[in-house]
Amino acid sequence: MLKRVKERFDLHPERLIADTAYGTGPMLGWLVDRKIAPHIPVFDKAGRSDGTWSRADFEWDAENDQYICPEGEALKQFRRNYSDPNRGPTGKGVALYRALKLTCQICPSKAKCCPNADARKITREEHEDARQVARDIAKTRQYDISMKLRKKVEMLFAHLKRILGLGRLRLRGPCGANDEFLLAATAQNLRKLAKIFPAPQQMRKA
């Protein structure tokens, strides 16, 4: 859709608003690569429900390609240089970062970090940088405005489906669908206009 709009109208959006279903890594990475701000909730399952530290509690050190735990220890993907580039970091897929077993065993916060494992491990997806961009945007006021705009648009479709009975189309083909949606949207707008403009008051006879 964005490609067609660019080719036909020469329009390039500054931001894209969508729900969590579009908050996957590849989608966010695709948007960030094209300089489109993703105003989208990040689809993330990294959180933990057992009270232990999640990935968000670890600081990402991009310069050294490592995570830093709350105790200041490093979790690295590789701890030596490989002469064979095929065995080293590829920058694609999911990378696994590990802490040293000896470090975790004597750590005073092991119960909060990895109580059931010898050492802590953290996975990092290929598009994690783009996911972090979306997380940072989610903390801004403009993101709150975008979410209100998204709900405003989505509520119109929900109203068409639940109130005006457009759960399924009765006419076939693109032309039939266009006619049916046009009539339904017309009825929807008339309902809104009726709420905006009060009904004329009849003059009482003396």
N, C-alpha and C. Protein backbone atom coordinates (compact mmCIF):
# COMPACT_ATOMS: atom_id res chain seq x y z
N MET A 1 0.83 -1.20 0.00
CA MET A 1 0.00 0.00 0.00
C MET A 1 0.87 1.26 0.00
N LEU A 2 1.89 1.28 0.82
CA LEU A 2 2.77 2.44 0.86
C LEU A 2 3.49 2.64 -0.46
N LYS A 3 3.86 1.53 -1.09
CA LYS A 3 4.55 1.62 -2.38
C LYS A 3 3.63 2.18 -3.45
N ARG A 4 2.36 1.75 -3.47
CA ARG A 4 1.42 2.25 -4.46
C ARG A 4 1.14 3.74 -4.25
N VAL A 5 0.99 4.14 -2.98
CA VAL A 5 0.74 5.55 -2.70
C VAL A 5 1.94 6.40 -3.12
N LYS A 6 3.14 5.88 -2.91
CA LYS A 6 4.35 6.61 -3.31
C LYS A 6 4.41 6.76 -4.82
N GLU A 7 4.11 5.68 -5.55
CA GLU A 7 4.21 5.72 -7.01
C GLU A 7 3.12 6.58 -7.62
N ARG A 8 1.92 6.55 -7.05
CA ARG A 8 0.79 7.25 -7.66
C ARG A 8 0.68 8.70 -7.24
N PHE A 9 0.89 8.97 -5.94
CA PHE A 9 0.69 10.32 -5.42
C PHE A 9 1.98 10.98 -4.93
N ASP A 10 3.09 10.24 -4.97
CA ASP A 10 4.38 10.75 -4.49
C ASP A 10 4.29 11.20 -3.04
N LEU A 11 3.60 10.39 -2.22
CA LEU A 11 3.45 10.68 -0.80
C LEU A 11 4.25 9.68 0.02
N HIS A 12 4.96 10.19 1.00
CA HIS A 12 5.75 9.33 1.90
C HIS A 12 5.38 9.69 3.34
N PRO A 13 4.78 8.76 4.09
CA PRO A 13 4.32 9.09 5.45
C PRO A 13 5.48 9.28 6.42
N GLU A 14 5.28 10.19 7.36
CA GLU A 14 6.26 10.38 8.42
C GLU A 14 6.10 9.33 9.51
N ARG A 15 4.87 8.86 9.74
CA ARG A 15 4.63 7.86 10.77
C ARG A 15 3.51 6.93 10.33
N LEU A 16 3.49 5.76 10.92
CA LEU A 16 2.46 4.77 10.64
C LEU A 16 1.84 4.34 11.96
N ILE A 17 0.51 4.40 12.03
CA ILE A 17 -0.21 4.04 13.25
C ILE A 17 -0.90 2.70 13.03
N ALA A 18 -0.71 1.77 13.94
CA ALA A 18 -1.34 0.45 13.81
C ALA A 18 -1.41 -0.19 15.19
N ASP A 19 -2.08 -1.36 15.26
CA ASP A 19 -2.20 -2.05 16.54
C ASP A 19 -1.06 -3.04 16.71
N THR A 20 -1.11 -3.80 17.81
CA THR A 20 -0.01 -4.68 18.18
C THR A 20 0.26 -5.77 17.15
N ALA A 21 -0.74 -6.14 16.36
CA ALA A 21 -0.54 -7.19 15.36
C ALA A 21 0.55 -6.80 14.35
N TYR A 22 0.78 -5.51 14.18
CA TYR A 22 1.81 -5.03 13.25
C TYR A 22 3.12 -4.71 13.97
N GLY A 23 3.20 -5.00 15.27
CA GLY A 23 4.38 -4.65 16.04
C GLY A 23 5.44 -5.74 16.08
N THR A 24 5.55 -6.54 15.04
CA THR A 24 6.57 -7.58 14.98
C THR A 24 7.91 -6.98 14.54
N GLY A 25 8.98 -7.71 14.81
CA GLY A 25 10.31 -7.23 14.47
C GLY A 25 10.51 -6.92 12.99
N PRO A 26 10.18 -7.85 12.08
CA PRO A 26 10.38 -7.56 10.65
C PRO A 26 9.58 -6.36 10.17
N MET A 27 8.34 -6.20 10.65
CA MET A 27 7.53 -5.05 10.24
C MET A 27 8.14 -3.74 10.74
N LEU A 28 8.54 -3.71 12.02
CA LEU A 28 9.14 -2.51 12.57
C LEU A 28 10.47 -2.19 11.88
N GLY A 29 11.25 -3.23 11.59
CA GLY A 29 12.51 -3.02 10.89
C GLY A 29 12.30 -2.46 9.50
N TRP A 30 11.27 -2.95 8.80
CA TRP A 30 10.96 -2.47 7.45
C TRP A 30 10.60 -0.99 7.49
N LEU A 31 9.83 -0.57 8.50
CA LEU A 31 9.42 0.82 8.61
C LEU A 31 10.59 1.73 8.97
N VAL A 32 11.38 1.32 9.95
CA VAL A 32 12.51 2.14 10.39
C VAL A 32 13.53 2.31 9.26
N ASP A 33 13.77 1.27 8.48
CA ASP A 33 14.71 1.36 7.36
C ASP A 33 14.26 2.39 6.34
N ARG A 34 12.95 2.64 6.25
CA ARG A 34 12.40 3.60 5.29
C ARG A 34 12.07 4.94 5.94
N LYS A 35 12.63 5.18 7.11
CA LYS A 35 12.48 6.45 7.80
C LYS A 35 11.02 6.76 8.13
N ILE A 36 10.23 5.73 8.44
CA ILE A 36 8.84 5.89 8.85
C ILE A 36 8.76 5.58 10.34
N ALA A 37 8.31 6.54 11.13
CA ALA A 37 8.23 6.35 12.58
C ALA A 37 7.10 5.37 12.91
N PRO A 38 7.41 4.23 13.55
CA PRO A 38 6.36 3.26 13.88
C PRO A 38 5.64 3.61 15.17
N HIS A 39 4.45 4.17 15.06
CA HIS A 39 3.61 4.43 16.23
C HIS A 39 2.75 3.18 16.46
N ILE A 40 3.44 2.12 16.87
CA ILE A 40 2.84 0.79 16.97
C ILE A 40 3.29 0.15 18.28
N PRO A 41 2.39 -0.43 19.06
CA PRO A 41 2.82 -1.18 20.25
C PRO A 41 3.68 -2.38 19.85
N VAL A 42 4.77 -2.57 20.56
CA VAL A 42 5.70 -3.66 20.22
C VAL A 42 5.13 -4.99 20.67
N PHE A 43 5.13 -5.96 19.75
CA PHE A 43 4.70 -7.32 20.08
C PHE A 43 5.88 -8.01 20.75
N ASP A 44 5.82 -8.14 22.06
CA ASP A 44 6.97 -8.62 22.83
C ASP A 44 6.52 -9.64 23.87
N LYS A 45 7.17 -10.80 23.86
CA LYS A 45 6.88 -11.85 24.84
C LYS A 45 8.06 -12.07 25.78
N ALA A 46 8.94 -11.05 25.86
CA ALA A 46 10.14 -11.21 26.68
C ALA A 46 9.86 -11.00 28.16
N GLY A 47 8.70 -10.46 28.49
CA GLY A 47 8.38 -10.22 29.89
C GLY A 47 8.20 -11.51 30.67
N ARG A 48 8.46 -11.45 31.97
CA ARG A 48 8.34 -12.63 32.83
C ARG A 48 7.27 -12.40 33.89
N SER A 49 6.57 -13.45 34.22
CA SER A 49 5.49 -13.35 35.20
C SER A 49 5.87 -13.94 36.56
N ASP A 50 7.08 -14.47 36.68
CA ASP A 50 7.50 -15.10 37.94
C ASP A 50 8.27 -14.15 38.85
N GLY A 51 8.37 -12.87 38.46
CA GLY A 51 9.04 -11.90 39.31
C GLY A 51 10.53 -11.77 39.07
N THR A 52 11.10 -12.62 38.21
CA THR A 52 12.53 -12.52 37.93
C THR A 52 12.78 -11.44 36.89
N TRP A 53 14.04 -11.05 36.75
CA TRP A 53 14.40 -9.99 35.81
C TRP A 53 14.09 -10.39 34.38
N SER A 54 13.50 -9.46 33.65
CA SER A 54 13.23 -9.69 32.23
C SER A 54 14.34 -9.03 31.41
N ARG A 55 14.25 -9.16 30.10
CA ARG A 55 15.27 -8.57 29.23
C ARG A 55 15.33 -7.06 29.36
N ALA A 56 14.19 -6.44 29.69
CA ALA A 56 14.15 -4.98 29.83
C ALA A 56 15.00 -4.50 31.00
N ASP A 57 15.30 -5.37 31.95
CA ASP A 57 16.12 -4.98 33.10
C ASP A 57 17.60 -4.98 32.78
N PHE A 58 17.96 -5.49 31.61
CA PHE A 58 19.37 -5.55 31.21
C PHE A 58 19.65 -4.41 30.22
N GLU A 59 20.80 -3.78 30.39
CA GLU A 59 21.18 -2.65 29.54
C GLU A 59 21.92 -3.16 28.31
N TRP A 60 21.51 -2.67 27.14
CA TRP A 60 22.15 -3.08 25.89
C TRP A 60 23.34 -2.16 25.60
N ASP A 61 24.51 -2.75 25.39
CA ASP A 61 25.74 -2.03 25.06
C ASP A 61 26.05 -2.32 23.60
N ALA A 62 25.56 -1.44 22.72
CA ALA A 62 25.71 -1.68 21.28
C ALA A 62 27.16 -1.62 20.84
N GLU A 63 27.94 -0.75 21.46
CA GLU A 63 29.34 -0.58 21.05
C GLU A 63 30.13 -1.87 21.24
N ASN A 64 29.87 -2.59 22.32
CA ASN A 64 30.61 -3.81 22.60
C ASN A 64 29.80 -5.08 22.32
N ASP A 65 28.61 -4.92 21.74
CA ASP A 65 27.76 -6.06 21.39
C ASP A 65 27.55 -6.97 22.60
N GLN A 66 26.97 -6.41 23.65
CA GLN A 66 26.75 -7.19 24.86
C GLN A 66 25.64 -6.56 25.69
N TYR A 67 25.08 -7.36 26.59
CA TYR A 67 24.12 -6.88 27.59
C TYR A 67 24.86 -6.73 28.92
N ILE A 68 24.41 -5.76 29.71
CA ILE A 68 24.97 -5.56 31.05
C ILE A 68 23.84 -5.81 32.05
N CYS A 69 24.04 -6.75 32.96
CA CYS A 69 23.01 -7.09 33.93
C CYS A 69 22.97 -6.04 35.03
N PRO A 70 21.92 -6.01 35.85
CA PRO A 70 21.82 -5.03 36.93
C PRO A 70 22.99 -5.07 37.92
N GLU A 71 23.70 -6.20 37.98
CA GLU A 71 24.86 -6.31 38.86
C GLU A 71 26.15 -5.85 38.18
N GLY A 72 26.05 -5.42 36.90
CA GLY A 72 27.22 -4.91 36.21
C GLY A 72 28.02 -5.93 35.43
N GLU A 73 27.55 -7.17 35.34
CA GLU A 73 28.26 -8.21 34.62
C GLU A 73 27.80 -8.26 33.15
N ALA A 74 28.68 -8.70 32.28
CA ALA A 74 28.41 -8.70 30.84
C ALA A 74 27.89 -10.06 30.37
N LEU A 75 26.90 -10.00 29.49
CA LEU A 75 26.41 -11.18 28.80
C LEU A 75 26.80 -11.03 27.33
N LYS A 76 27.61 -11.95 26.85
CA LYS A 76 28.15 -11.83 25.49
C LYS A 76 27.70 -12.98 24.62
N GLN A 77 27.67 -12.69 23.32
CA GLN A 77 27.34 -13.73 22.35
C GLN A 77 28.57 -14.58 22.05
N PHE A 78 29.71 -13.92 21.88
CA PHE A 78 30.98 -14.61 21.63
C PHE A 78 32.04 -14.00 22.52
N ARG A 79 32.90 -14.83 23.08
CA ARG A 79 33.94 -14.36 23.99
C ARG A 79 35.34 -14.51 23.41
N ARG A 80 35.42 -14.79 22.11
CA ARG A 80 36.72 -14.82 21.44
C ARG A 80 36.52 -14.52 19.98
N ASN A 81 37.56 -14.12 19.31
CA ASN A 81 37.50 -13.80 17.90
C ASN A 81 37.66 -15.07 17.07
N TYR A 82 36.79 -15.22 16.06
CA TYR A 82 36.82 -16.40 15.20
C TYR A 82 37.58 -16.08 13.92
N SER A 83 38.49 -16.95 13.56
CA SER A 83 39.21 -16.80 12.29
C SER A 83 38.29 -17.14 11.12
N ASP A 84 37.32 -18.03 11.37
CA ASP A 84 36.34 -18.39 10.35
C ASP A 84 35.12 -17.49 10.52
N PRO A 85 34.84 -16.59 9.56
CA PRO A 85 33.71 -15.65 9.72
C PRO A 85 32.37 -16.35 9.81
N ASN A 86 32.25 -17.57 9.29
CA ASN A 86 30.98 -18.29 9.34
C ASN A 86 30.63 -18.74 10.75
N ARG A 87 31.59 -18.76 11.65
CA ARG A 87 31.34 -19.18 13.02
C ARG A 87 31.07 -17.99 13.93
N GLY A 88 31.36 -16.80 13.46
CA GLY A 88 31.17 -15.60 14.26
C GLY A 88 29.77 -15.04 14.12
N PRO A 89 29.57 -13.82 14.60
CA PRO A 89 28.25 -13.20 14.53
C PRO A 89 27.83 -12.94 13.09
N THR A 90 26.59 -13.20 12.79
CA THR A 90 26.07 -13.04 11.42
C THR A 90 25.20 -11.81 11.29
N GLY A 91 24.63 -11.32 12.39
CA GLY A 91 23.75 -10.16 12.34
C GLY A 91 22.35 -10.48 11.84
N LYS A 92 22.04 -11.76 11.68
CA LYS A 92 20.74 -12.17 11.20
C LYS A 92 20.12 -13.19 12.15
N GLY A 93 18.80 -13.21 12.19
CA GLY A 93 18.12 -14.19 13.01
C GLY A 93 18.11 -13.80 14.48
N VAL A 94 18.19 -14.79 15.35
CA VAL A 94 18.15 -14.57 16.79
C VAL A 94 19.53 -14.87 17.38
N ALA A 95 20.07 -13.93 18.12
CA ALA A 95 21.37 -14.10 18.76
C ALA A 95 21.16 -14.42 20.23
N LEU A 96 22.03 -15.26 20.78
CA LEU A 96 21.94 -15.68 22.17
C LEU A 96 23.13 -15.12 22.94
N TYR A 97 22.83 -14.39 24.02
CA TYR A 97 23.87 -13.79 24.85
C TYR A 97 23.88 -14.50 26.20
N ARG A 98 25.07 -14.89 26.64
CA ARG A 98 25.20 -15.69 27.87
C ARG A 98 26.13 -15.01 28.86
N ALA A 99 25.82 -15.21 30.12
CA ALA A 99 26.74 -14.80 31.18
C ALA A 99 27.63 -15.99 31.54
N LEU A 100 28.73 -15.72 32.21
CA LEU A 100 29.61 -16.80 32.63
C LEU A 100 28.97 -17.57 33.78
N LYS A 101 29.10 -18.89 33.74
CA LYS A 101 28.50 -19.73 34.77
C LYS A 101 29.08 -19.42 36.15
N LEU A 102 30.40 -19.26 36.22
CA LEU A 102 31.03 -18.99 37.51
C LEU A 102 30.57 -17.65 38.08
N THR A 103 30.32 -16.68 37.20
CA THR A 103 29.86 -15.37 37.66
C THR A 103 28.46 -15.45 38.25
N CYS A 104 27.59 -16.20 37.57
CA CYS A 104 26.21 -16.31 38.04
C CYS A 104 26.09 -17.12 39.33
N GLN A 105 26.96 -18.11 39.48
CA GLN A 105 26.86 -18.97 40.66
C GLN A 105 27.14 -18.21 41.95
N ILE A 106 27.99 -17.20 41.91
CA ILE A 106 28.34 -16.46 43.12
C ILE A 106 27.63 -15.10 43.18
N CYS A 107 26.72 -14.85 42.24
CA CYS A 107 26.03 -13.56 42.19
C CYS A 107 24.99 -13.48 43.31
N PRO A 108 24.93 -12.40 44.06
CA PRO A 108 23.94 -12.28 45.14
C PRO A 108 22.50 -12.14 44.63
N SER A 109 22.35 -11.81 43.36
CA SER A 109 21.01 -11.61 42.79
C SER A 109 20.58 -12.78 41.90
N LYS A 110 21.21 -13.93 42.06
CA LYS A 110 20.87 -15.06 41.22
C LYS A 110 19.40 -15.48 41.36
N ALA A 111 18.84 -15.35 42.55
CA ALA A 111 17.44 -15.73 42.78
C ALA A 111 16.49 -14.84 42.00
N LYS A 112 16.90 -13.59 41.74
CA LYS A 112 16.06 -12.68 40.97
C LYS A 112 16.30 -12.79 39.47
N CYS A 113 17.39 -13.43 39.11
CA CYS A 113 17.80 -13.45 37.70
C CYS A 113 17.56 -14.81 37.04
N CYS A 114 18.20 -15.83 37.54
CA CYS A 114 18.08 -17.17 36.93
C CYS A 114 18.09 -18.23 38.02
N PRO A 115 17.03 -18.32 38.82
CA PRO A 115 17.03 -19.28 39.93
C PRO A 115 17.05 -20.73 39.49
N ASN A 116 16.56 -21.02 38.29
CA ASN A 116 16.47 -22.40 37.82
C ASN A 116 17.48 -22.74 36.74
N ALA A 117 18.46 -21.87 36.53
CA ALA A 117 19.48 -22.11 35.50
C ALA A 117 20.85 -21.83 36.07
N ASP A 118 21.87 -22.45 35.47
CA ASP A 118 23.24 -22.24 35.94
C ASP A 118 23.73 -20.83 35.62
N ALA A 119 23.29 -20.29 34.47
CA ALA A 119 23.72 -18.96 34.06
C ALA A 119 22.59 -18.30 33.29
N ARG A 120 22.59 -16.98 33.25
CA ARG A 120 21.53 -16.24 32.57
C ARG A 120 21.79 -16.16 31.07
N LYS A 121 20.72 -16.34 30.30
CA LYS A 121 20.79 -16.22 28.85
C LYS A 121 19.72 -15.23 28.39
N ILE A 122 20.05 -14.47 27.37
CA ILE A 122 19.12 -13.50 26.79
C ILE A 122 19.19 -13.61 25.27
N THR A 123 18.05 -13.64 24.63
CA THR A 123 18.00 -13.67 23.18
C THR A 123 17.76 -12.26 22.64
N ARG A 124 18.32 -11.98 21.51
CA ARG A 124 18.15 -10.68 20.85
C ARG A 124 17.84 -10.92 19.39
N GLU A 125 16.70 -10.38 18.94
CA GLU A 125 16.28 -10.58 17.56
C GLU A 125 17.04 -9.67 16.61
N GLU A 126 16.94 -10.02 15.32
CA GLU A 126 17.65 -9.26 14.29
C GLU A 126 17.20 -7.80 14.26
N HIS A 127 15.90 -7.55 14.48
CA HIS A 127 15.35 -6.20 14.38
C HIS A 127 15.13 -5.57 15.76
N GLU A 128 15.93 -5.94 16.74
CA GLU A 128 15.73 -5.42 18.08
C GLU A 128 15.95 -3.91 18.15
N ASP A 129 16.84 -3.37 17.32
CA ASP A 129 17.07 -1.93 17.31
C ASP A 129 15.80 -1.19 16.88
N ALA A 130 15.11 -1.73 15.87
CA ALA A 130 13.86 -1.11 15.42
C ALA A 130 12.78 -1.25 16.48
N ARG A 131 12.76 -2.36 17.18
CA ARG A 131 11.80 -2.54 18.26
C ARG A 131 12.04 -1.52 19.37
N GLN A 132 13.32 -1.21 19.64
CA GLN A 132 13.62 -0.23 20.66
C GLN A 132 13.20 1.18 20.21
N VAL A 133 13.31 1.45 18.91
CA VAL A 133 12.83 2.73 18.38
C VAL A 133 11.34 2.88 18.66
N ALA A 134 10.58 1.79 18.43
CA ALA A 134 9.13 1.83 18.69
C ALA A 134 8.85 1.99 20.18
N ARG A 135 9.64 1.37 21.03
CA ARG A 135 9.45 1.52 22.49
C ARG A 135 9.70 2.96 22.92
N ASP A 136 10.73 3.58 22.35
CA ASP A 136 11.04 4.97 22.71
C ASP A 136 9.93 5.91 22.24
N ILE A 137 9.39 5.65 21.06
CA ILE A 137 8.30 6.48 20.54
C ILE A 137 7.07 6.35 21.43
N ALA A 138 6.86 5.15 21.98
CA ALA A 138 5.68 4.91 22.82
C ALA A 138 5.69 5.74 24.10
N LYS A 139 6.82 6.34 24.45
CA LYS A 139 6.91 7.16 25.65
C LYS A 139 6.62 8.64 25.38
N THR A 140 6.35 8.99 24.12
CA THR A 140 6.16 10.39 23.75
C THR A 140 4.68 10.77 23.77
N ARG A 141 4.43 12.08 23.80
CA ARG A 141 3.06 12.59 23.77
C ARG A 141 2.43 12.36 22.40
N GLN A 142 3.24 12.46 21.34
CA GLN A 142 2.72 12.26 20.00
C GLN A 142 2.18 10.85 19.83
N TYR A 143 2.80 9.89 20.52
CA TYR A 143 2.32 8.50 20.45
C TYR A 143 0.93 8.40 21.08
N ASP A 144 0.69 9.08 22.20
CA ASP A 144 -0.63 9.08 22.83
C ASP A 144 -1.68 9.66 21.88
N ILE A 145 -1.31 10.71 21.17
CA ILE A 145 -2.23 11.29 20.19
C ILE A 145 -2.52 10.31 19.07
N SER A 146 -1.49 9.61 18.62
CA SER A 146 -1.66 8.63 17.54
C SER A 146 -2.60 7.51 17.95
N MET A 147 -2.49 7.05 19.20
CA MET A 147 -3.36 5.98 19.65
C MET A 147 -4.81 6.42 19.70
N LYS A 148 -5.05 7.69 20.06
CA LYS A 148 -6.42 8.20 20.07
C LYS A 148 -6.96 8.29 18.65
N LEU A 149 -6.11 8.69 17.70
CA LEU A 149 -6.54 8.75 16.31
C LEU A 149 -6.83 7.36 15.77
N ARG A 150 -6.01 6.37 16.16
CA ARG A 150 -6.24 5.01 15.69
C ARG A 150 -7.56 4.47 16.18
N LYS A 151 -7.86 4.70 17.46
CA LYS A 151 -9.12 4.22 18.02
C LYS A 151 -10.31 4.93 17.39
N LYS A 152 -10.11 6.19 17.05
CA LYS A 152 -11.19 6.95 16.43
C LYS A 152 -11.57 6.34 15.09
N VAL A 153 -10.58 5.90 14.32
CA VAL A 153 -10.84 5.28 13.02
C VAL A 153 -11.41 3.87 13.20
N GLU A 154 -10.83 3.11 14.13
CA GLU A 154 -11.29 1.73 14.33
C GLU A 154 -12.72 1.68 14.86
N MET A 155 -13.10 2.66 15.65
CA MET A 155 -14.46 2.68 16.18
C MET A 155 -15.50 2.83 15.09
N LEU A 156 -15.14 3.52 13.99
CA LEU A 156 -16.07 3.66 12.88
C LEU A 156 -16.37 2.31 12.25
N PHE A 157 -15.34 1.48 12.09
CA PHE A 157 -15.55 0.15 11.52
C PHE A 157 -16.32 -0.74 12.49
N ALA A 158 -16.02 -0.61 13.79
CA ALA A 158 -16.76 -1.40 14.78
C ALA A 158 -18.23 -1.00 14.79
N HIS A 159 -18.49 0.28 14.62
CA HIS A 159 -19.88 0.76 14.59
C HIS A 159 -20.61 0.23 13.36
N LEU A 160 -19.90 0.21 12.22
CA LEU A 160 -20.51 -0.33 11.00
C LEU A 160 -20.88 -1.80 11.18
N LYS A 161 -20.00 -2.52 11.85
CA LYS A 161 -20.22 -3.96 11.98
C LYS A 161 -21.28 -4.29 13.02
N ARG A 162 -21.24 -3.64 14.18
CA ARG A 162 -22.11 -4.05 15.29
C ARG A 162 -23.44 -3.31 15.31
N ILE A 163 -23.42 -2.02 14.97
CA ILE A 163 -24.64 -1.23 15.07
C ILE A 163 -25.42 -1.22 13.77
N LEU A 164 -24.70 -1.02 12.67
CA LEU A 164 -25.38 -0.93 11.37
C LEU A 164 -25.49 -2.27 10.65
N GLY A 165 -25.06 -3.33 11.29
CA GLY A 165 -25.27 -4.68 10.74
C GLY A 165 -24.46 -5.02 9.52
N LEU A 166 -23.25 -4.45 9.41
CA LEU A 166 -22.40 -4.74 8.26
C LEU A 166 -21.39 -5.83 8.60
N GLY A 167 -21.86 -6.87 9.30
CA GLY A 167 -20.98 -7.97 9.66
C GLY A 167 -20.52 -8.76 8.46
N ARG A 168 -21.34 -8.79 7.42
CA ARG A 168 -20.96 -9.45 6.17
C ARG A 168 -21.63 -8.72 5.02
N LEU A 169 -21.00 -8.74 3.86
CA LEU A 169 -21.54 -8.06 2.69
C LEU A 169 -22.60 -8.92 2.02
N ARG A 170 -23.60 -8.26 1.48
CA ARG A 170 -24.69 -8.96 0.79
C ARG A 170 -24.56 -8.86 -0.72
N LEU A 171 -23.78 -7.91 -1.20
CA LEU A 171 -23.55 -7.74 -2.63
C LEU A 171 -22.17 -8.28 -2.99
N ARG A 172 -22.07 -8.87 -4.16
CA ARG A 172 -20.81 -9.50 -4.56
C ARG A 172 -20.01 -8.57 -5.46
N GLY A 173 -18.72 -8.83 -5.52
CA GLY A 173 -17.84 -8.08 -6.40
C GLY A 173 -17.38 -6.76 -5.81
N PRO A 174 -16.30 -6.20 -6.34
CA PRO A 174 -15.78 -4.92 -5.84
C PRO A 174 -16.80 -3.79 -5.95
N CYS A 175 -17.56 -3.77 -7.05
CA CYS A 175 -18.54 -2.69 -7.22
C CYS A 175 -19.66 -2.82 -6.18
N GLY A 176 -20.12 -4.06 -5.98
CA GLY A 176 -21.16 -4.26 -4.96
C GLY A 176 -20.69 -3.90 -3.58
N ALA A 177 -19.44 -4.28 -3.24
CA ALA A 177 -18.88 -3.93 -1.93
C ALA A 177 -18.75 -2.42 -1.77
N ASN A 178 -18.33 -1.75 -2.85
CA ASN A 178 -18.19 -0.29 -2.79
C ASN A 178 -19.55 0.38 -2.56
N ASP A 179 -20.58 -0.10 -3.27
CA ASP A 179 -21.92 0.48 -3.09
C ASP A 179 -22.44 0.26 -1.68
N GLU A 180 -22.21 -0.94 -1.16
CA GLU A 180 -22.73 -1.27 0.17
C GLU A 180 -22.02 -0.45 1.25
N PHE A 181 -20.71 -0.31 1.13
CA PHE A 181 -19.97 0.49 2.10
C PHE A 181 -20.35 1.96 2.00
N LEU A 182 -20.58 2.44 0.78
CA LEU A 182 -20.96 3.84 0.59
C LEU A 182 -22.30 4.14 1.27
N LEU A 183 -23.26 3.24 1.10
CA LEU A 183 -24.56 3.43 1.74
C LEU A 183 -24.44 3.36 3.27
N ALA A 184 -23.65 2.40 3.75
CA ALA A 184 -23.48 2.26 5.20
C ALA A 184 -22.78 3.48 5.79
N ALA A 185 -21.75 3.99 5.10
CA ALA A 185 -21.04 5.17 5.59
C ALA A 185 -21.95 6.40 5.55
N THR A 186 -22.82 6.47 4.53
CA THR A 186 -23.77 7.58 4.45
C THR A 186 -24.72 7.56 5.65
N ALA A 187 -25.23 6.37 5.97
CA ALA A 187 -26.12 6.25 7.14
C ALA A 187 -25.37 6.60 8.42
N GLN A 188 -24.11 6.20 8.49
CA GLN A 188 -23.30 6.50 9.68
C GLN A 188 -23.10 8.00 9.84
N ASN A 189 -22.81 8.69 8.75
CA ASN A 189 -22.61 10.14 8.81
C ASN A 189 -23.91 10.86 9.14
N LEU A 190 -25.04 10.38 8.64
CA LEU A 190 -26.32 11.00 8.95
C LEU A 190 -26.63 10.89 10.44
N ARG A 191 -26.28 9.74 11.04
CA ARG A 191 -26.47 9.57 12.48
C ARG A 191 -25.61 10.57 13.26
N LYS A 192 -24.39 10.78 12.80
CA LYS A 192 -23.50 11.72 13.48
C LYS A 192 -24.01 13.16 13.33
N LEU A 193 -24.50 13.49 12.13
CA LEU A 193 -25.03 14.83 11.91
C LEU A 193 -26.26 15.10 12.77
N ALA A 194 -27.07 14.06 12.96
CA ALA A 194 -28.28 14.23 13.78
C ALA A 194 -27.93 14.55 15.22
N LYS A 195 -26.78 14.09 15.69
CA LYS A 195 -26.36 14.39 17.05
C LYS A 195 -25.72 15.77 17.16
N ILE A 196 -25.15 16.23 16.05
CA ILE A 196 -24.48 17.54 16.07
C ILE A 196 -25.50 18.67 15.98
N PHE A 197 -26.45 18.53 15.05
CA PHE A 197 -27.44 19.59 14.85
C PHE A 197 -28.74 19.21 15.55
N PRO A 198 -29.20 20.00 16.49
CA PRO A 198 -30.44 19.66 17.21
C PRO A 198 -31.66 19.76 16.29
N ALA A 199 -32.65 18.96 16.60
CA ALA A 199 -33.89 18.99 15.82
C ALA A 199 -34.58 20.33 16.01
N PRO A 200 -35.19 20.86 14.95
CA PRO A 200 -35.88 22.16 15.07
C PRO A 200 -37.05 22.06 16.04
N GLN A 201 -37.16 23.07 16.87
CA GLN A 201 -38.23 23.12 17.86
C GLN A 201 -39.48 23.73 17.25
N GLN A 202 -40.61 23.06 17.44
CA GLN A 202 -41.87 23.58 16.92
C GLN A 202 -42.43 24.64 17.87
N MET A 203 -42.93 25.70 17.26
CA MET A 203 -43.49 26.80 18.04
C MET A 203 -44.84 26.39 18.64
N ARG A 204 -44.98 26.57 19.92
CA ARG A 204 -46.25 26.26 20.56
C ARG A 204 -47.32 27.34 20.24
N LYS A 205 -48.50 26.88 19.99
CA LYS A 205 -49.57 27.82 19.70
C LYS A 205 -50.10 28.43 21.01
N ALA A 206 -50.32 29.73 20.96
CA ALA A 206 -50.82 30.42 22.16
C ALA A 206 -52.26 30.04 22.46
